Amino acid sequence: ALDDLYSCGLPGHTSKLQRSQAGGGLNSSTTYGFRGEALASVSHFCSLEIASRSRSDPSSAFSKVISDGRSAPITRSSERQDVGTTVTCRNLFFNRPVVRKVLLAGSQQRELGTIASAVRSLALVNPSACLSVHNSSTGAWLLSTPRYPSVKHAFAALLPQAKASSQPLECVETQQGTLRISLLLASPIDFARSRDSQLLYVNGRPCSRCAISERVEQAYATLCNSRRGREMLSQAPAPGEGGGRQG
């Protein structure tokens, strides 16, 4: 709604507070971004455009631009055709010359690859969402995901290691009280021993470095090392077979 667009991007603003109070308290909120700081923080080092067309009034579309933390007046948007909201970040770090210089000095393709990897990690556990990464300079699409019927289907389609694996992914679930753990396992033989193949999510959010991820890496390394040791022993020549010179 237009009223929400006026407040969108303001520090500390969130519509979830009113909804949670009406529905039974703060604990009823089940989504993230509760403090409402994400858009407000991003707007301080880019030009942030929010374009929206409401379901309640599909005949009208509006856009709002926030730059360096300051909001311009809301205007009607003739370009917005679909119902929904799109947030666009332009001229990143325009007011941070040192950061922008470092960013531009690096490989743009590498930076875009990092962004695509971060978006892909979100797409893996949100199979019902369509996410994409587009390079406007070259017109190339680095990532474009359709809707998948399940997380398992998303992993099988989006991870190169899973697509190349000779064995299908195995699903394992366990629950104790309110704690539920879901695992998608593949053979270590088919997966490279790197962090790219080890993905950890807590409450649907990627966790790259934490105590749990370190334990997973240790267990994975131990498994790979023990399997590699068994393979070396099985390939080693038996005593007296081709091991030394005959005098």
C-alpha atoms as a PDB file:
ATOM      1  CA  ALA A   1       0.000   0.000   0.000  1.00  0.00           C
ATOM      2  CA  LEU A   2       1.026   3.624  -0.507  1.00  0.00           C
ATOM      3  CA  ASP A   3       1.108   4.202   3.257  1.00  0.00           C
ATOM      4  CA  ASP A   4       3.654   1.398   3.639  1.00  0.00           C
ATOM      5  CA  LEU A   5       5.818   2.906   0.891  1.00  0.00           C
ATOM      6  CA  TYR A   6       6.038   6.178   2.820  1.00  0.00           C
ATOM      7  CA  SER A   7       7.525   4.323   5.805  1.00  0.00           C
ATOM      8  CA  CYS A   8       9.603   1.813   3.821  1.00  0.00           C
ATOM      9  CA  GLY A   9      13.323   2.483   4.230  1.00  0.00           C
ATOM     10  CA  LEU A  10      12.996   4.501   7.428  1.00  0.00           C
ATOM     11  CA  PRO A  11      15.352   3.442  10.257  1.00  0.00           C
ATOM     12  CA  GLY A  12      13.726   1.044  12.683  1.00  0.00           C
ATOM     13  CA  HIS A  13      10.470   0.803  10.767  1.00  0.00           C
ATOM     14  CA  THR A  14       8.729  -2.537  10.301  1.00  0.00           C
ATOM     15  CA  SER A  15       5.112  -3.436   9.604  1.00  0.00           C
ATOM     16  CA  LYS A  16       5.600  -6.732  11.459  1.00  0.00           C
ATOM     17  CA  LEU A  17       5.332  -5.079  14.853  1.00  0.00           C
ATOM     18  CA  GLN A  18       1.657  -4.182  14.408  1.00  0.00           C
ATOM     19  CA  ARG A  19       0.872  -7.569  12.890  1.00  0.00           C
ATOM     20  CA  SER A  20       2.614  -9.448  15.690  1.00  0.00           C
ATOM     21  CA  GLN A  21       0.817  -7.459  18.388  1.00  0.00           C
ATOM     22  CA  ALA A  22      -2.534  -8.222  16.766  1.00  0.00           C
ATOM     23  CA  GLY A  23      -1.643 -11.887  16.384  1.00  0.00           C
ATOM     24  CA  GLY A  24      -0.398 -12.610  19.888  1.00  0.00           C
ATOM     25  CA  GLY A  25       2.847 -10.839  20.709  1.00  0.00           C
ATOM     26  CA  LEU A  26       6.357 -10.464  19.351  1.00  0.00           C
ATOM     27  CA  ASN A  27       6.982 -14.214  19.327  1.00  0.00           C
ATOM     28  CA  SER A  28       4.397 -14.653  16.558  1.00  0.00           C
ATOM     29  CA  SER A  29       6.734 -13.076  13.975  1.00  0.00           C
ATOM     30  CA  THR A  30       8.193 -15.871  11.842  1.00  0.00           C
ATOM     31  CA  THR A  31      10.187 -13.868   9.269  1.00  0.00           C
ATOM     32  CA  TYR A  32      13.444 -11.915   9.341  1.00  0.00           C
ATOM     33  CA  GLY A  33      14.293  -8.231   9.029  1.00  0.00           C
ATOM     34  CA  PHE A  34      12.272  -7.526  12.147  1.00  0.00           C
ATOM     35  CA  ARG A  35      14.179  -4.380  13.140  1.00  0.00           C
ATOM     36  CA  GLY A  36      13.639  -2.801   9.722  1.00  0.00           C
ATOM     37  CA  GLU A  37      17.247  -1.683   9.306  1.00  0.00           C
ATOM     38  CA  ALA A  38      18.223  -3.413   6.048  1.00  0.00           C
ATOM     39  CA  LEU A  39      16.893  -0.887   3.498  1.00  0.00           C
ATOM     40  CA  ALA A  40      17.718   2.069   5.729  1.00  0.00           C
ATOM     41  CA  SER A  41      21.336   0.910   6.063  1.00  0.00           C
ATOM     42  CA  VAL A  42      21.795   0.200   2.347  1.00  0.00           C
ATOM     43  CA  SER A  43      20.409   3.628   1.403  1.00  0.00           C
ATOM     44  CA  HIS A  44      23.350   5.362   3.101  1.00  0.00           C
ATOM     45  CA  PHE A  45      25.868   4.246   0.455  1.00  0.00           C
ATOM     46  CA  CYS A  46      23.824   3.944  -2.739  1.00  0.00           C
ATOM     47  CA  SER A  47      20.811   5.267  -4.588  1.00  0.00           C
ATOM     48  CA  LEU A  48      17.963   2.999  -3.536  1.00  0.00           C
ATOM     49  CA  GLU A  49      14.824   2.862  -5.662  1.00  0.00           C
ATOM     50  CA  ILE A  50      11.668   1.142  -4.407  1.00  0.00           C
ATOM     51  CA  ALA A  51       8.935   0.621  -7.018  1.00  0.00           C
ATOM     52  CA  SER A  52       5.627  -0.948  -5.998  1.00  0.00           C
ATOM     53  CA  ARG A  53       2.198  -1.773  -7.378  1.00  0.00           C
ATOM     54  CA  SER A  54      -0.348  -2.857  -4.776  1.00  0.00           C
ATOM     55  CA  ARG A  55      -2.784  -5.752  -5.172  1.00  0.00           C
ATOM     56  CA  SER A  56      -5.496  -3.614  -3.589  1.00  0.00           C
ATOM     57  CA  ASP A  57      -5.009  -0.899  -6.241  1.00  0.00           C
ATOM     58  CA  PRO A  58      -3.333  -2.452  -9.309  1.00  0.00           C
ATOM     59  CA  SER A  59      -4.146   0.581 -11.459  1.00  0.00           C
ATOM     60  CA  SER A  60      -1.572   2.739  -9.621  1.00  0.00           C
ATOM     61  CA  ALA A  61       2.159   2.222  -9.222  1.00  0.00           C
ATOM     62  CA  PHE A  62       4.542   4.370  -7.199  1.00  0.00           C
ATOM     63  CA  SER A  63       8.296   4.678  -6.729  1.00  0.00           C
ATOM     64  CA  LYS A  64      10.507   6.113  -4.038  1.00  0.00           C
ATOM     65  CA  VAL A  65      14.221   6.983  -4.189  1.00  0.00           C
ATOM     66  CA  ILE A  66      16.417   7.136  -1.080  1.00  0.00           C
ATOM     67  CA  SER A  67      19.998   8.373  -1.498  1.00  0.00           C
ATOM     68  CA  ASP A  68      22.577   8.876   1.251  1.00  0.00           C
ATOM     69  CA  GLY A  69      19.840   8.261   3.818  1.00  0.00           C
ATOM     70  CA  ARG A  70      17.567  11.004   2.464  1.00  0.00           C
ATOM     71  CA  SER A  71      14.251  10.220   0.777  1.00  0.00           C
ATOM     72  CA  ALA A  72      12.905  12.031  -2.286  1.00  0.00           C
ATOM     73  CA  PRO A  73       9.142  12.580  -2.688  1.00  0.00           C
ATOM     74  CA  ILE A  74       7.136   9.573  -3.838  1.00  0.00           C
ATOM     75  CA  THR A  75       6.138   9.727  -7.508  1.00  0.00           C
ATOM     76  CA  ARG A  76       3.901   7.692  -9.792  1.00  0.00           C
ATOM     77  CA  SER A  77       5.745   5.026 -11.742  1.00  0.00           C
ATOM     78  CA  SER A  78       4.594   4.312 -15.289  1.00  0.00           C
ATOM     79  CA  GLU A  79       7.318   1.658 -15.803  1.00  0.00           C
ATOM     80  CA  ARG A  80       6.046  -0.677 -13.121  1.00  0.00           C
ATOM     81  CA  GLN A  81       3.645  -3.107 -14.795  1.00  0.00           C
ATOM     82  CA  ASP A  82       3.455  -6.104 -12.451  1.00  0.00           C
ATOM     83  CA  VAL A  83       1.906  -6.279  -9.002  1.00  0.00           C
ATOM     84  CA  GLY A  84       4.579  -6.443  -6.328  1.00  0.00           C
ATOM     85  CA  THR A  85       7.640  -4.540  -5.161  1.00  0.00           C
ATOM     86  CA  THR A  86      11.130  -4.245  -6.673  1.00  0.00           C
ATOM     87  CA  VAL A  87      14.122  -2.778  -4.842  1.00  0.00           C
ATOM     88  CA  THR A  88      17.002  -1.552  -7.030  1.00  0.00           C
ATOM     89  CA  CYS A  89      20.430  -0.498  -5.760  1.00  0.00           C
ATOM     90  CA  ARG A  90      22.276   1.923  -8.088  1.00  0.00           C
ATOM     91  CA  ASN A  91      25.625   3.748  -7.962  1.00  0.00           C
ATOM     92  CA  LEU A  92      26.974   1.638  -5.134  1.00  0.00           C
ATOM     93  CA  PHE A  93      29.411   3.416  -2.750  1.00  0.00           C
ATOM     94  CA  PHE A  94      29.077   6.727  -4.614  1.00  0.00           C
ATOM     95  CA  ASN A  95      29.828   8.566  -1.365  1.00  0.00           C
ATOM     96  CA  ARG A  96      32.605   6.185  -0.255  1.00  0.00           C
ATOM     97  CA  PRO A  97      35.422   6.982  -2.722  1.00  0.00           C
ATOM     98  CA  VAL A  98      38.021   4.719  -1.105  1.00  0.00           C
ATOM     99  CA  VAL A  99      35.703   1.702  -1.001  1.00  0.00           C
ATOM    100  CA  ARG A 100      34.475   2.399  -4.535  1.00  0.00           C
ATOM    101  CA  LYS A 101      38.047   2.660  -5.828  1.00  0.00           C
ATOM    102  CA  VAL A 102      38.945  -0.695  -4.309  1.00  0.00           C
ATOM    103  CA  LEU A 103      35.759  -2.224  -5.702  1.00  0.00           C
ATOM    104  CA  LEU A 104      36.377  -0.910  -9.218  1.00  0.00           C
ATOM    105  CA  ALA A 105      40.059  -1.883  -9.118  1.00  0.00           C
ATOM    106  CA  GLY A 106      39.142  -5.516  -8.578  1.00  0.00           C
ATOM    107  CA  SER A 107      37.677  -7.941 -11.033  1.00  0.00           C
ATOM    108  CA  GLN A 108      34.043  -7.080 -11.724  1.00  0.00           C
ATOM    109  CA  GLN A 109      33.410 -10.631 -12.817  1.00  0.00           C
ATOM    110  CA  ARG A 110      34.757 -11.925  -9.513  1.00  0.00           C
ATOM    111  CA  GLU A 111      32.527  -9.555  -7.551  1.00  0.00           C
ATOM    112  CA  LEU A 112      29.481 -10.563  -9.579  1.00  0.00           C
ATOM    113  CA  GLY A 113      30.385 -14.194  -9.050  1.00  0.00           C
ATOM    114  CA  THR A 114      30.461 -13.628  -5.295  1.00  0.00           C
ATOM    115  CA  ILE A 115      27.037 -11.969  -5.451  1.00  0.00           C
ATOM    116  CA  ALA A 116      25.628 -14.806  -7.559  1.00  0.00           C
ATOM    117  CA  SER A 117      27.017 -17.346  -5.085  1.00  0.00           C
ATOM    118  CA  ALA A 118      25.331 -15.532  -2.171  1.00  0.00           C
ATOM    119  CA  VAL A 119      21.998 -15.373  -4.026  1.00  0.00           C
ATOM    120  CA  ARG A 120      22.290 -19.040  -4.999  1.00  0.00           C
ATOM    121  CA  SER A 121      22.731 -20.024  -1.349  1.00  0.00           C
ATOM    122  CA  LEU A 122      19.430 -18.282  -0.596  1.00  0.00           C
ATOM    123  CA  ALA A 123      17.695 -19.872  -3.576  1.00  0.00           C
ATOM    124  CA  LEU A 124      18.674 -23.349  -2.372  1.00  0.00           C
ATOM    125  CA  VAL A 125      16.518 -23.115   0.764  1.00  0.00           C
ATOM    126  CA  ASN A 126      13.772 -20.987  -0.776  1.00  0.00           C
ATOM    127  CA  PRO A 127      12.628 -23.220  -3.663  1.00  0.00           C
ATOM    128  CA  SER A 128       9.345 -21.354  -4.130  1.00  0.00           C
ATOM    129  CA  ALA A 129      11.122 -18.039  -4.884  1.00  0.00           C
ATOM    130  CA  CYS A 130      12.473 -17.022  -8.297  1.00  0.00           C
ATOM    131  CA  LEU A 131      15.825 -15.240  -7.884  1.00  0.00           C
ATOM    132  CA  SER A 132      18.171 -13.839 -10.528  1.00  0.00           C
ATOM    133  CA  VAL A 133      21.472 -11.971 -10.914  1.00  0.00           C
ATOM    134  CA  HIS A 134      21.864  -9.847 -14.049  1.00  0.00           C
ATOM    135  CA  ASN A 135      24.943  -8.018 -15.328  1.00  0.00           C
ATOM    136  CA  SER A 136      23.496  -4.847 -16.850  1.00  0.00           C
ATOM    137  CA  SER A 137      26.865  -3.954 -18.451  1.00  0.00           C
ATOM    138  CA  THR A 138      27.064  -7.088 -20.597  1.00  0.00           C
ATOM    139  CA  GLY A 139      23.438  -8.189 -20.536  1.00  0.00           C
ATOM    140  CA  ALA A 140      24.460 -11.606 -19.191  1.00  0.00           C
ATOM    141  CA  TRP A 141      22.400 -13.501 -16.620  1.00  0.00           C
ATOM    142  CA  LEU A 142      24.671 -15.010 -13.989  1.00  0.00           C
ATOM    143  CA  LEU A 143      21.812 -16.722 -12.218  1.00  0.00           C
ATOM    144  CA  SER A 144      18.116 -17.244 -12.881  1.00  0.00           C
ATOM    145  CA  THR A 145      16.212 -19.773 -10.805  1.00  0.00           C
ATOM    146  CA  PRO A 146      12.712 -21.087 -11.481  1.00  0.00           C
ATOM    147  CA  ARG A 147      10.432 -22.421  -8.760  1.00  0.00           C
ATOM    148  CA  TYR A 148      11.306 -25.893  -7.509  1.00  0.00           C
ATOM    149  CA  PRO A 149       8.951 -28.349  -5.773  1.00  0.00           C
ATOM    150  CA  SER A 150      11.318 -28.878  -2.833  1.00  0.00           C
ATOM    151  CA  VAL A 151      14.686 -27.989  -1.340  1.00  0.00           C
ATOM    152  CA  LYS A 152      16.079 -31.299  -2.560  1.00  0.00           C
ATOM    153  CA  HIS A 153      15.121 -30.465  -6.147  1.00  0.00           C
ATOM    154  CA  ALA A 154      16.741 -27.017  -5.797  1.00  0.00           C
ATOM    155  CA  PHE A 155      20.005 -28.509  -4.523  1.00  0.00           C
ATOM    156  CA  ALA A 156      20.068 -31.105  -7.289  1.00  0.00           C
ATOM    157  CA  ALA A 157      19.510 -28.445  -9.965  1.00  0.00           C
ATOM    158  CA  LEU A 158      21.602 -25.511  -8.702  1.00  0.00           C
ATOM    159  CA  LEU A 159      24.724 -27.165  -7.295  1.00  0.00           C
ATOM    160  CA  PRO A 160      27.192 -28.257 -10.008  1.00  0.00           C
ATOM    161  CA  GLN A 161      28.564 -30.942  -7.683  1.00  0.00           C
ATOM    162  CA  ALA A 162      25.105 -32.425  -7.163  1.00  0.00           C
ATOM    163  CA  LYS A 163      24.373 -32.483 -10.895  1.00  0.00           C
ATOM    164  CA  ALA A 164      27.681 -34.238 -11.600  1.00  0.00           C
ATOM    165  CA  SER A 165      27.344 -36.707  -8.733  1.00  0.00           C
ATOM    166  CA  SER A 166      26.949 -40.360  -9.610  1.00  0.00           C
ATOM    167  CA  GLN A 167      24.566 -40.870  -6.673  1.00  0.00           C
ATOM    168  CA  PRO A 168      21.367 -38.994  -5.765  1.00  0.00           C
ATOM    169  CA  LEU A 169      21.193 -36.812  -2.687  1.00  0.00           C
ATOM    170  CA  GLU A 170      20.021 -38.580   0.464  1.00  0.00           C
ATOM    171  CA  CYS A 171      17.591 -36.809   2.806  1.00  0.00           C
ATOM    172  CA  VAL A 172      17.916 -37.370   6.562  1.00  0.00           C
ATOM    173  CA  GLU A 173      15.772 -35.657   9.212  1.00  0.00           C
ATOM    174  CA  THR A 174      15.762 -35.842  12.986  1.00  0.00           C
ATOM    175  CA  GLN A 175      13.896 -33.900  15.640  1.00  0.00           C
ATOM    176  CA  GLN A 176      14.212 -33.483  19.401  1.00  0.00           C
ATOM    177  CA  GLY A 177      11.683 -31.169  21.002  1.00  0.00           C
ATOM    178  CA  THR A 178      11.585 -27.914  19.042  1.00  0.00           C
ATOM    179  CA  LEU A 179      14.969 -28.615  17.429  1.00  0.00           C
ATOM    180  CA  ARG A 180      14.752 -30.098  13.942  1.00  0.00           C
ATOM    181  CA  ILE A 181      17.758 -30.976  11.776  1.00  0.00           C
ATOM    182  CA  SER A 182      17.486 -31.719   8.054  1.00  0.00           C
ATOM    183  CA  LEU A 183      20.425 -33.074   6.073  1.00  0.00           C
ATOM    184  CA  LEU A 184      21.070 -33.500   2.368  1.00  0.00           C
ATOM    185  CA  LEU A 185      23.985 -35.907   2.017  1.00  0.00           C
ATOM    186  CA  ALA A 186      26.075 -36.882  -0.978  1.00  0.00           C
ATOM    187  CA  SER A 187      29.033 -39.193  -1.408  1.00  0.00           C
ATOM    188  CA  PRO A 188      32.344 -37.474  -0.489  1.00  0.00           C
ATOM    189  CA  ILE A 189      33.917 -39.230  -3.464  1.00  0.00           C
ATOM    190  CA  ASP A 190      31.873 -37.121  -5.900  1.00  0.00           C
ATOM    191  CA  PHE A 191      32.293 -33.823  -4.065  1.00  0.00           C
ATOM    192  CA  ALA A 192      35.467 -31.785  -3.951  1.00  0.00           C
ATOM    193  CA  ARG A 193      36.866 -31.256  -0.489  1.00  0.00           C
ATOM    194  CA  SER A 194      36.105 -27.551  -0.196  1.00  0.00           C
ATOM    195  CA  ARG A 195      33.735 -25.257   1.651  1.00  0.00           C
ATOM    196  CA  ASP A 196      31.744 -24.783  -1.558  1.00  0.00           C
ATOM    197  CA  SER A 197      30.377 -28.281  -1.038  1.00  0.00           C
ATOM    198  CA  GLN A 198      29.520 -27.772   2.632  1.00  0.00           C
ATOM    199  CA  LEU A 199      26.458 -25.576   3.119  1.00  0.00           C
ATOM    200  CA  LEU A 200      24.986 -24.890   6.536  1.00  0.00           C
ATOM    201  CA  TYR A 201      21.719 -23.103   7.292  1.00  0.00           C
ATOM    202  CA  VAL A 202      20.266 -22.165  10.673  1.00  0.00           C
ATOM    203  CA  ASN A 203      16.577 -21.190  10.596  1.00  0.00           C
ATOM    204  CA  GLY A 204      16.826 -20.846   6.819  1.00  0.00           C
ATOM    205  CA  ARG A 205      19.781 -18.443   6.934  1.00  0.00           C
ATOM    206  CA  PRO A 206      23.238 -19.300   5.532  1.00  0.00           C
ATOM    207  CA  CYS A 207      25.953 -19.656   8.185  1.00  0.00           C
ATOM    208  CA  SER A 208      29.429 -19.614   6.673  1.00  0.00           C
ATOM    209  CA  ARG A 209      31.593 -19.485   9.795  1.00  0.00           C
ATOM    210  CA  CYS A 210      30.328 -20.628  13.185  1.00  0.00           C
ATOM    211  CA  ALA A 211      30.928 -23.381  15.726  1.00  0.00           C
ATOM    212  CA  ILE A 212      28.537 -25.739  13.927  1.00  0.00           C
ATOM    213  CA  SER A 213      30.190 -25.224  10.527  1.00  0.00           C
ATOM    214  CA  GLU A 214      33.620 -25.912  12.053  1.00  0.00           C
ATOM    215  CA  ARG A 215      32.373 -29.199  13.507  1.00  0.00           C
ATOM    216  CA  VAL A 216      30.919 -30.174  10.125  1.00  0.00           C
ATOM    217  CA  GLU A 217      34.221 -29.382   8.392  1.00  0.00           C
ATOM    218  CA  GLN A 218      36.157 -31.434  10.933  1.00  0.00           C
ATOM    219  CA  ALA A 219      33.858 -34.434  10.508  1.00  0.00           C
ATOM    220  CA  TYR A 220      33.997 -34.117   6.717  1.00  0.00           C
ATOM    221  CA  ALA A 221      37.806 -33.873   6.714  1.00  0.00           C
ATOM    222  CA  THR A 222      38.083 -36.907   9.003  1.00  0.00           C
ATOM    223  CA  LEU A 223      35.805 -38.929   6.724  1.00  0.00           C
ATOM    224  CA  CYS A 224      37.739 -37.930   3.591  1.00  0.00           C
ATOM    225  CA  ASN A 225      41.098 -38.681   5.202  1.00  0.00           C
ATOM    226  CA  SER A 226      39.992 -42.108   6.463  1.00  0.00           C
ATOM    227  CA  ARG A 227      38.530 -42.983   3.060  1.00  0.00           C
ATOM    228  CA  ARG A 228      41.691 -41.785   1.308  1.00  0.00           C
ATOM    229  CA  GLY A 229      43.811 -43.851   3.706  1.00  0.00           C
ATOM    230  CA  ARG A 230      41.800 -47.002   2.987  1.00  0.00           C
ATOM    231  CA  GLU A 231      42.131 -46.404  -0.746  1.00  0.00           C
ATOM    232  CA  MET A 232      45.913 -46.007  -0.448  1.00  0.00           C
ATOM    233  CA  LEU A 233      46.178 -49.226   1.569  1.00  0.00           C
ATOM    234  CA  SER A 234      44.067 -51.120  -0.939  1.00  0.00           C
ATOM    235  CA  GLN A 235      46.276 -49.909  -3.813  1.00  0.00           C
ATOM    236  CA  ALA A 236      49.597 -50.567  -2.058  1.00  0.00           C
ATOM    237  CA  PRO A 237      51.525 -53.658  -3.249  1.00  0.00           C
ATOM    238  CA  ALA A 238      51.538 -56.686  -0.989  1.00  0.00           C
ATOM    239  CA  PRO A 239      54.788 -57.574   0.846  1.00  0.00           C
ATOM    240  CA  GLY A 240      57.301 -59.040  -1.563  1.00  0.00           C
ATOM    241  CA  GLU A 241      55.449 -57.813  -4.678  1.00  0.00           C
ATOM    242  CA  GLY A 242      57.439 -55.346  -6.745  1.00  0.00           C
ATOM    243  CA  GLY A 243      58.523 -53.287  -3.778  1.00  0.00           C
ATOM    244  CA  GLY A 244      62.336 -53.577  -3.880  1.00  0.00           C
ATOM    245  CA  ARG A 245      65.286 -54.492  -6.051  1.00  0.00           C
ATOM    246  CA  GLN A 246      66.530 -58.014  -6.401  1.00  0.00           C
ATOM    247  CA  GLY A 247      70.258 -58.484  -5.780  1.00  0.00           C
END
